[in-house]
PDB file of N, CA and C in Angstrom:
ATOM      1  N   MET A   1      13.986  -0.067   9.215  1.00  0.00           N
ATOM      2  CA  MET A   1      12.894  -0.425   8.326  1.00  0.00           C
ATOM      3  C   MET A   1      12.329   0.846   7.703  1.00  0.00           C
ATOM      4  N   LYS A   2      12.047   0.779   6.410  1.00  0.00           N
ATOM      5  CA  LYS A   2      11.502   1.929   5.694  1.00  0.00           C
ATOM      6  C   LYS A   2      10.040   2.149   6.067  1.00  0.00           C
ATOM      7  N   ASP A   3       9.618   3.402   5.959  1.00  0.00           N
ATOM      8  CA  ASP A   3       8.216   3.727   6.199  1.00  0.00           C
ATOM      9  C   ASP A   3       7.353   3.164   5.076  1.00  0.00           C
ATOM     10  N   VAL A   4       6.200   2.655   5.451  1.00  0.00           N
ATOM     11  CA  VAL A   4       5.232   2.144   4.477  1.00  0.00           C
ATOM     12  C   VAL A   4       3.981   3.004   4.579  1.00  0.00           C
ATOM     13  N   VAL A   5       3.507   3.464   3.423  1.00  0.00           N
ATOM     14  CA  VAL A   5       2.292   4.277   3.349  1.00  0.00           C
ATOM     15  C   VAL A   5       1.342   3.595   2.375  1.00  0.00           C
ATOM     16  N   MET A   6       0.069   3.487   2.793  1.00  0.00           N
ATOM     17  CA  MET A   6      -0.951   2.865   1.952  1.00  0.00           C
ATOM     18  C   MET A   6      -2.174   3.759   1.893  1.00  0.00           C
ATOM     19  N   TYR A   7      -2.622   4.058   0.692  1.00  0.00           N
ATOM     20  CA  TYR A   7      -3.908   4.716   0.493  1.00  0.00           C
ATOM     21  C   TYR A   7      -4.926   3.599   0.302  1.00  0.00           C
ATOM     22  N   THR A   8      -6.005   3.629   1.098  1.00  0.00           N
ATOM     23  CA  THR A   8      -6.964   2.525   1.101  1.00  0.00           C
ATOM     24  C   THR A   8      -8.398   3.039   1.218  1.00  0.00           C
ATOM     25  N   THR A   9      -9.317   2.086   1.055  1.00  0.00           N
ATOM     26  CA  THR A   9     -10.706   2.295   1.474  1.00  0.00           C
ATOM     27  C   THR A   9     -11.044   1.167   2.447  1.00  0.00           C
ATOM     28  N   ARG A  10     -12.041   1.396   3.279  1.00  0.00           N
ATOM     29  CA  ARG A  10     -12.350   0.455   4.364  1.00  0.00           C
ATOM     30  C   ARG A  10     -12.750  -0.934   3.905  1.00  0.00           C
ATOM     31  N   PHE A  11     -13.531  -1.030   2.840  1.00  0.00           N
ATOM     32  CA  PHE A  11     -14.115  -2.329   2.491  1.00  0.00           C
ATOM     33  C   PHE A  11     -13.502  -2.958   1.243  1.00  0.00           C
ATOM     34  N   CYS A  12     -12.438  -2.402   0.746  1.00  0.00           N
ATOM     35  CA  CYS A  12     -11.763  -2.933  -0.440  1.00  0.00           C
ATOM     36  C   CYS A  12     -11.062  -4.250  -0.069  1.00  0.00           C
ATOM     37  N   PRO A  13     -11.417  -5.364  -0.735  1.00  0.00           N
ATOM     38  CA  PRO A  13     -10.785  -6.639  -0.386  1.00  0.00           C
ATOM     39  C   PRO A  13      -9.280  -6.653  -0.660  1.00  0.00           C
ATOM     40  N   PHE A  14      -8.833  -5.899  -1.648  1.00  0.00           N
ATOM     41  CA  PHE A  14      -7.398  -5.848  -1.941  1.00  0.00           C
ATOM     42  C   PHE A  14      -6.655  -5.067  -0.864  1.00  0.00           C
ATOM     43  N   CYS A  15      -7.292  -4.025  -0.335  1.00  0.00           N
ATOM     44  CA  CYS A  15      -6.703  -3.263   0.768  1.00  0.00           C
ATOM     45  C   CYS A  15      -6.574  -4.150   2.000  1.00  0.00           C
ATOM     46  N   ILE A  16      -7.626  -4.910   2.267  1.00  0.00           N
ATOM     47  CA  ILE A  16      -7.637  -5.807   3.426  1.00  0.00           C
ATOM     48  C   ILE A  16      -6.536  -6.859   3.297  1.00  0.00           C
ATOM     49  N   ARG A  17      -6.352  -7.416   2.090  1.00  0.00           N
ATOM     50  CA  ARG A  17      -5.286  -8.419   1.864  1.00  0.00           C
ATOM     51  C   ARG A  17      -3.904  -7.810   2.061  1.00  0.00           C
ATOM     52  N   ALA A  18      -3.700  -6.603   1.525  1.00  0.00           N
ATOM     53  CA  ALA A  18      -2.387  -5.954   1.652  1.00  0.00           C
ATOM     54  C   ALA A  18      -2.077  -5.664   3.121  1.00  0.00           C
ATOM     55  N   LYS A  19      -3.062  -5.162   3.856  1.00  0.00           N
ATOM     56  CA  LYS A  19      -2.868  -4.898   5.283  1.00  0.00           C
ATOM     57  C   LYS A  19      -2.573  -6.193   6.030  1.00  0.00           C
ATOM     58  N   ALA A  20      -3.303  -7.255   5.696  1.00  0.00           N
ATOM     59  CA  ALA A  20      -3.103  -8.541   6.373  1.00  0.00           C
ATOM     60  C   ALA A  20      -1.687  -9.060   6.162  1.00  0.00           C
ATOM     61  N   LEU A  21      -1.166  -8.914   4.943  1.00  0.00           N
ATOM     62  CA  LEU A  21       0.209  -9.360   4.686  1.00  0.00           C
ATOM     63  C   LEU A  21       1.192  -8.571   5.533  1.00  0.00           C
ATOM     64  N   LEU A  22       1.060  -7.250   5.535  1.00  0.00           N
ATOM     65  CA  LEU A  22       1.982  -6.429   6.325  1.00  0.00           C
ATOM     66  C   LEU A  22       1.821  -6.711   7.814  1.00  0.00           C
ATOM     67  N   ASP A  23       0.575  -6.864   8.277  1.00  0.00           N
ATOM     68  CA  ASP A  23       0.341  -7.195   9.695  1.00  0.00           C
ATOM     69  C   ASP A  23       0.993  -8.525  10.058  1.00  0.00           C
ATOM     70  N   SER A  24       0.887  -9.518   9.168  1.00  0.00           N
ATOM     71  CA  SER A  24       1.456 -10.844   9.464  1.00  0.00           C
ATOM     72  C   SER A  24       2.975 -10.796   9.570  1.00  0.00           C
ATOM     73  N   LYS A  25       3.588  -9.810   8.923  1.00  0.00           N
ATOM     74  CA  LYS A  25       5.039  -9.655   8.969  1.00  0.00           C
ATOM     75  C   LYS A  25       5.477  -8.667  10.056  1.00  0.00           C
ATOM     76  N   GLY A  26       4.494  -8.105  10.778  1.00  0.00           N
ATOM     77  CA  GLY A  26       4.809  -7.144  11.834  1.00  0.00           C
ATOM     78  C   GLY A  26       5.302  -5.808  11.301  1.00  0.00           C
ATOM     79  N   VAL A  27       4.888  -5.464  10.080  1.00  0.00           N
ATOM     80  CA  VAL A  27       5.349  -4.228   9.453  1.00  0.00           C
ATOM     81  C   VAL A  27       4.361  -3.101   9.765  1.00  0.00           C
ATOM     82  N   PRO A  28       4.819  -2.049  10.441  1.00  0.00           N
ATOM     83  CA  PRO A  28       3.931  -0.913  10.676  1.00  0.00           C
ATOM     84  C   PRO A  28       3.725  -0.136   9.371  1.00  0.00           C
ATOM     85  N   TYR A  29       2.561   0.457   9.220  1.00  0.00           N
ATOM     86  CA  TYR A  29       2.279   1.241   8.015  1.00  0.00           C
ATOM     87  C   TYR A  29       1.334   2.372   8.368  1.00  0.00           C
ATOM     88  N   ARG A  30       1.401   3.405   7.560  1.00  0.00           N
ATOM     89  CA  ARG A  30       0.472   4.535   7.689  1.00  0.00           C
ATOM     90  C   ARG A  30      -0.655   4.296   6.708  1.00  0.00           C
ATOM     91  N   ASP A  31      -1.859   4.183   7.237  1.00  0.00           N
ATOM     92  CA  ASP A  31      -3.045   3.906   6.429  1.00  0.00           C
ATOM     93  C   ASP A  31      -3.788   5.218   6.190  1.00  0.00           C
ATOM     94  N   ILE A  32      -3.836   5.653   4.941  1.00  0.00           N
ATOM     95  CA  ILE A  32      -4.552   6.873   4.581  1.00  0.00           C
ATOM     96  C   ILE A  32      -5.852   6.464   3.906  1.00  0.00           C
ATOM     97  N   ALA A  33      -6.956   6.586   4.652  1.00  0.00           N
ATOM     98  CA  ALA A  33      -8.269   6.181   4.138  1.00  0.00           C
ATOM     99  C   ALA A  33      -8.824   7.283   3.239  1.00  0.00           C
ATOM    100  N   VAL A  34      -9.181   6.900   2.028  1.00  0.00           N
ATOM    101  CA  VAL A  34      -9.694   7.873   1.061  1.00  0.00           C
ATOM    102  C   VAL A  34     -11.195   7.714   0.834  1.00  0.00           C
ATOM    103  N   ASP A  35     -11.870   6.906   1.665  1.00  0.00           N
ATOM    104  CA  ASP A  35     -13.308   6.621   1.506  1.00  0.00           C
ATOM    105  C   ASP A  35     -14.134   7.878   1.256  1.00  0.00           C
ATOM    106  N   SER A  36     -14.082   8.798   2.184  1.00  0.00           N
ATOM    107  CA  SER A  36     -14.912  10.002   2.076  1.00  0.00           C
ATOM    108  C   SER A  36     -14.044  11.253   2.051  1.00  0.00           C
ATOM    109  N   GLN A  37     -12.868  11.108   1.482  1.00  0.00           N
ATOM    110  CA  GLN A  37     -11.906  12.197   1.440  1.00  0.00           C
ATOM    111  C   GLN A  37     -11.447  12.431   0.000  1.00  0.00           C
ATOM    112  N   PRO A  38     -12.252  13.115  -0.811  1.00  0.00           N
ATOM    113  CA  PRO A  38     -11.881  13.293  -2.223  1.00  0.00           C
ATOM    114  C   PRO A  38     -10.525  13.965  -2.408  1.00  0.00           C
ATOM    115  N   GLU A  39     -10.140  14.834  -1.475  1.00  0.00           N
ATOM    116  CA  GLU A  39      -8.836  15.498  -1.613  1.00  0.00           C
ATOM    117  C   GLU A  39      -7.692  14.503  -1.422  1.00  0.00           C
ATOM    118  N   LEU A  40      -7.870  13.522  -0.538  1.00  0.00           N
ATOM    119  CA  LEU A  40      -6.836  12.505  -0.345  1.00  0.00           C
ATOM    120  C   LEU A  40      -6.790  11.549  -1.534  1.00  0.00           C
ATOM    121  N   ARG A  41      -7.944  11.237  -2.114  1.00  0.00           N
ATOM    122  CA  ARG A  41      -7.962  10.386  -3.309  1.00  0.00           C
ATOM    123  C   ARG A  41      -7.240  11.113  -4.463  1.00  0.00           C
ATOM    124  N   ARG A  42      -7.484  12.414  -4.600  1.00  0.00           N
ATOM    125  CA  ARG A  42      -6.787  13.211  -5.623  1.00  0.00           C
ATOM    126  C   ARG A  42      -5.283  13.189  -5.390  1.00  0.00           C
ATOM    127  N   GLU A  43      -4.884  13.364  -4.128  1.00  0.00           N
ATOM    128  CA  GLU A  43      -3.464  13.319  -3.766  1.00  0.00           C
ATOM    129  C   GLU A  43      -2.856  11.977  -4.171  1.00  0.00           C
ATOM    130  N   MET A  44      -3.561  10.893  -3.862  1.00  0.00           N
ATOM    131  CA  MET A  44      -3.103   9.547  -4.226  1.00  0.00           C
ATOM    132  C   MET A  44      -2.940   9.419  -5.737  1.00  0.00           C
ATOM    133  N   MET A  45      -3.936   9.905  -6.486  1.00  0.00           N
ATOM    134  CA  MET A  45      -3.902   9.796  -7.943  1.00  0.00           C
ATOM    135  C   MET A  45      -2.765  10.621  -8.534  1.00  0.00           C
ATOM    136  N   GLU A  46      -2.515  11.800  -7.978  1.00  0.00           N
ATOM    137  CA  GLU A  46      -1.417  12.631  -8.464  1.00  0.00           C
ATOM    138  C   GLU A  46      -0.071  11.969  -8.201  1.00  0.00           C
ATOM    139  N   LYS A  47       0.084  11.372  -7.026  1.00  0.00           N
ATOM    140  CA  LYS A  47       1.352  10.726  -6.664  1.00  0.00           C
ATOM    141  C   LYS A  47       1.593   9.438  -7.447  1.00  0.00           C
ATOM    142  N   SER A  48       0.523   8.655  -7.659  1.00  0.00           N
ATOM    143  CA  SER A  48       0.687   7.316  -8.233  1.00  0.00           C
ATOM    144  C   SER A  48       0.362   7.242  -9.721  1.00  0.00           C
ATOM    145  N   GLY A  49      -0.449   8.176 -10.207  1.00  0.00           N
ATOM    146  CA  GLY A  49      -0.931   8.077 -11.581  1.00  0.00           C
ATOM    147  C   GLY A  49      -2.020   7.024 -11.738  1.00  0.00           C
ATOM    148  N   ARG A  50      -2.518   6.506 -10.627  1.00  0.00           N
ATOM    149  CA  ARG A  50      -3.548   5.463 -10.637  1.00  0.00           C
ATOM    150  C   ARG A  50      -4.732   5.899  -9.804  1.00  0.00           C
ATOM    151  N   HIS A  51      -5.899   5.320 -10.108  1.00  0.00           N
ATOM    152  CA  HIS A  51      -7.105   5.689  -9.364  1.00  0.00           C
ATOM    153  C   HIS A  51      -7.635   4.571  -8.468  1.00  0.00           C
ATOM    154  N   THR A  52      -7.014   3.407  -8.516  1.00  0.00           N
ATOM    155  CA  THR A  52      -7.491   2.272  -7.717  1.00  0.00           C
ATOM    156  C   THR A  52      -6.756   2.196  -6.383  1.00  0.00           C
ATOM    157  N   VAL A  53      -7.405   1.570  -5.411  1.00  0.00           N
ATOM    158  CA  VAL A  53      -6.781   1.328  -4.115  1.00  0.00           C
ATOM    159  C   VAL A  53      -6.566  -0.164  -3.943  1.00  0.00           C
ATOM    160  N   PRO A  54      -5.585  -0.558  -3.156  1.00  0.00           N
ATOM    161  CA  PRO A  54      -4.651   0.309  -2.448  1.00  0.00           C
ATOM    162  C   PRO A  54      -3.544   0.805  -3.368  1.00  0.00           C
ATOM    163  N   GLN A  55      -2.928   1.895  -2.973  1.00  0.00           N
ATOM    164  CA  GLN A  55      -1.678   2.340  -3.569  1.00  0.00           C
ATOM    165  C   GLN A  55      -0.671   2.373  -2.437  1.00  0.00           C
ATOM    166  N   ILE A  56       0.464   1.717  -2.649  1.00  0.00           N
ATOM    167  CA  ILE A  56       1.409   1.432  -1.572  1.00  0.00           C
ATOM    168  C   ILE A  56       2.784   1.980  -1.916  1.00  0.00           C
ATOM    169  N   TRP A  57       3.404   2.620  -0.931  1.00  0.00           N
ATOM    170  CA  TRP A  57       4.781   3.091  -1.044  1.00  0.00           C
ATOM    171  C   TRP A  57       5.602   2.460   0.064  1.00  0.00           C
ATOM    172  N   ILE A  58       6.810   2.053  -0.283  1.00  0.00           N
ATOM    173  CA  ILE A  58       7.798   1.619   0.706  1.00  0.00           C
ATOM    174  C   ILE A  58       8.931   2.619   0.588  1.00  0.00           C
ATOM    175  N   GLY A  59       9.097   3.423   1.632  1.00  0.00           N
ATOM    176  CA  GLY A  59      10.026   4.546   1.530  1.00  0.00           C
ATOM    177  C   GLY A  59       9.552   5.466   0.419  1.00  0.00           C
ATOM    178  N   ASP A  60      10.442   5.847  -0.482  1.00  0.00           N
ATOM    179  CA  ASP A  60      10.087   6.714  -1.611  1.00  0.00           C
ATOM    180  C   ASP A  60       9.644   5.926  -2.830  1.00  0.00           C
ATOM    181  N   GLN A  61       9.690   4.606  -2.756  1.00  0.00           N
ATOM    182  CA  GLN A  61       9.398   3.739  -3.901  1.00  0.00           C
ATOM    183  C   GLN A  61       7.911   3.389  -3.969  1.00  0.00           C
ATOM    184  N   HIS A  62       7.269   3.753  -5.079  1.00  0.00           N
ATOM    185  CA  HIS A  62       5.866   3.366  -5.283  1.00  0.00           C
ATOM    186  C   HIS A  62       5.841   1.905  -5.709  1.00  0.00           C
ATOM    187  N   VAL A  63       5.228   1.072  -4.881  1.00  0.00           N
ATOM    188  CA  VAL A  63       5.141  -0.362  -5.146  1.00  0.00           C
ATOM    189  C   VAL A  63       4.027  -0.649  -6.142  1.00  0.00           C
ATOM    190  N   GLY A  64       2.909   0.054  -5.987  1.00  0.00           N
ATOM    191  CA  GLY A  64       1.719  -0.208  -6.780  1.00  0.00           C
ATOM    192  C   GLY A  64       0.611  -0.646  -5.855  1.00  0.00           C
ATOM    193  N   GLY A  65      -0.148  -1.648  -6.277  1.00  0.00           N
ATOM    194  CA  GLY A  65      -1.283  -2.121  -5.501  1.00  0.00           C
ATOM    195  C   GLY A  65      -1.004  -3.432  -4.804  1.00  0.00           C
ATOM    196  N   CYS A  66      -2.072  -4.092  -4.416  1.00  0.00           N
ATOM    197  CA  CYS A  66      -1.990  -5.351  -3.681  1.00  0.00           C
ATOM    198  C   CYS A  66      -1.271  -6.427  -4.493  1.00  0.00           C
ATOM    199  N   ASP A  67      -1.589  -6.534  -5.779  1.00  0.00           N
ATOM    200  CA  ASP A  67      -0.954  -7.575  -6.607  1.00  0.00           C
ATOM    201  C   ASP A  67       0.556  -7.413  -6.637  1.00  0.00           C
ATOM    202  N   GLU A  68       1.013  -6.177  -6.754  1.00  0.00           N
ATOM    203  CA  GLU A  68       2.461  -5.936  -6.800  1.00  0.00           C
ATOM    204  C   GLU A  68       3.110  -6.237  -5.456  1.00  0.00           C
ATOM    205  N   LEU A  69       2.417  -5.897  -4.352  1.00  0.00           N
ATOM    206  CA  LEU A  69       2.941  -6.206  -3.023  1.00  0.00           C
ATOM    207  C   LEU A  69       3.042  -7.711  -2.829  1.00  0.00           C
ATOM    208  N   MET A  70       2.001  -8.444  -3.218  1.00  0.00           N
ATOM    209  CA  MET A  70       2.005  -9.902  -3.087  1.00  0.00           C
ATOM    210  C   MET A  70       3.088 -10.525  -3.971  1.00  0.00           C
ATOM    211  N   SER A  71       3.299  -9.955  -5.135  1.00  0.00           N
ATOM    212  CA  SER A  71       4.341 -10.454  -6.032  1.00  0.00           C
ATOM    213  C   SER A  71       5.723 -10.301  -5.395  1.00  0.00           C
ATOM    214  N   LEU A  72       5.966  -9.156  -4.768  1.00  0.00           N
ATOM    215  CA  LEU A  72       7.247  -8.973  -4.063  1.00  0.00           C
ATOM    216  C   LEU A  72       7.437 -10.050  -3.007  1.00  0.00           C
ATOM    217  N   GLU A  73       6.378 -10.338  -2.262  1.00  0.00           N
ATOM    218  CA  GLU A  73       6.459 -11.356  -1.209  1.00  0.00           C
ATOM    219  C   GLU A  73       6.713 -12.739  -1.809  1.00  0.00           C
ATOM    220  N   ARG A  74       5.974 -13.099  -2.862  1.00  0.00           N
ATOM    221  CA  ARG A  74       6.154 -14.419  -3.489  1.00  0.00           C
ATOM    222  C   ARG A  74       7.568 -14.602  -4.026  1.00  0.00           C
ATOM    223  N   ARG A  75       8.158 -13.535  -4.546  1.00  0.00           N
ATOM    224  CA  ARG A  75       9.502 -13.627  -5.117  1.00  0.00           C
ATOM    225  C   ARG A  75      10.592 -13.468  -4.060  1.00  0.00           C
ATOM    226  N   GLY A  76      10.186 -13.320  -2.793  1.00  0.00           N
ATOM    227  CA  GLY A  76      11.158 -13.192  -1.709  1.00  0.00           C
ATOM    228  C   GLY A  76      11.846 -11.839  -1.672  1.00  0.00           C
ATOM    229  N   LEU A  77      11.223 -10.816  -2.241  1.00  0.00           N
ATOM    230  CA  LEU A  77      11.860  -9.502  -2.322  1.00  0.00           C
ATOM    231  C   LEU A  77      11.266  -8.467  -1.384  1.00  0.00           C
ATOM    232  N   LEU A  78      10.159  -8.792  -0.713  1.00  0.00           N
ATOM    233  CA  LEU A  78       9.503  -7.806   0.129  1.00  0.00           C
ATOM    234  C   LEU A  78      10.365  -7.430   1.341  1.00  0.00           C
ATOM    235  N   ASP A  79      10.919  -8.408   2.021  1.00  0.00           N
ATOM    236  CA  ASP A  79      11.748  -8.116   3.200  1.00  0.00           C
ATOM    237  C   ASP A  79      12.925  -7.223   2.811  1.00  0.00           C
ATOM    238  N   GLN A  80      13.506  -7.491   1.668  1.00  0.00           N
ATOM    239  CA  GLN A  80      14.631  -6.688   1.170  1.00  0.00           C
ATOM    240  C   GLN A  80      14.170  -5.255   0.887  1.00  0.00           C
ATOM    241  N   ALA A  81      12.996  -5.101   0.281  1.00  0.00           N
ATOM    242  CA  ALA A  81      12.474  -3.763  -0.021  1.00  0.00           C
ATOM    243  C   ALA A  81      12.195  -2.978   1.256  1.00  0.00           C
ATOM    244  N   LEU A  82      11.774  -3.685   2.301  1.00  0.00           N
ATOM    245  CA  LEU A  82      11.457  -3.032   3.559  1.00  0.00           C
ATOM    246  C   LEU A  82      12.687  -2.667   4.381  1.00  0.00           C
ATOM    247  N   ALA A  83      13.786  -3.347   4.180  1.00  0.00           N
ATOM    248  CA  ALA A  83      14.998  -3.165   4.990  1.00  0.00           C
ATOM    249  C   ALA A  83      15.623  -1.785   4.793  1.00  0.00           C
TER     250      ALA A  83
END
């Protein structure tokens, strides 16, 4: 299984949904909280080109945010991306 990395904030409802989906599938992930870490938020923005959370990577592939992760799941492609 590929490594999953998520940049999040604690109270973001989209972050919570993305984590819940991965948790329900038993997928481990590295959660990088950017709440009070401006340097980590900058790192996220440089890597993704986006300023919103969550920003999610599966292996080296930038998935995007919660909507893109949910779309992969709805289309039956998330398990394949994780393999």
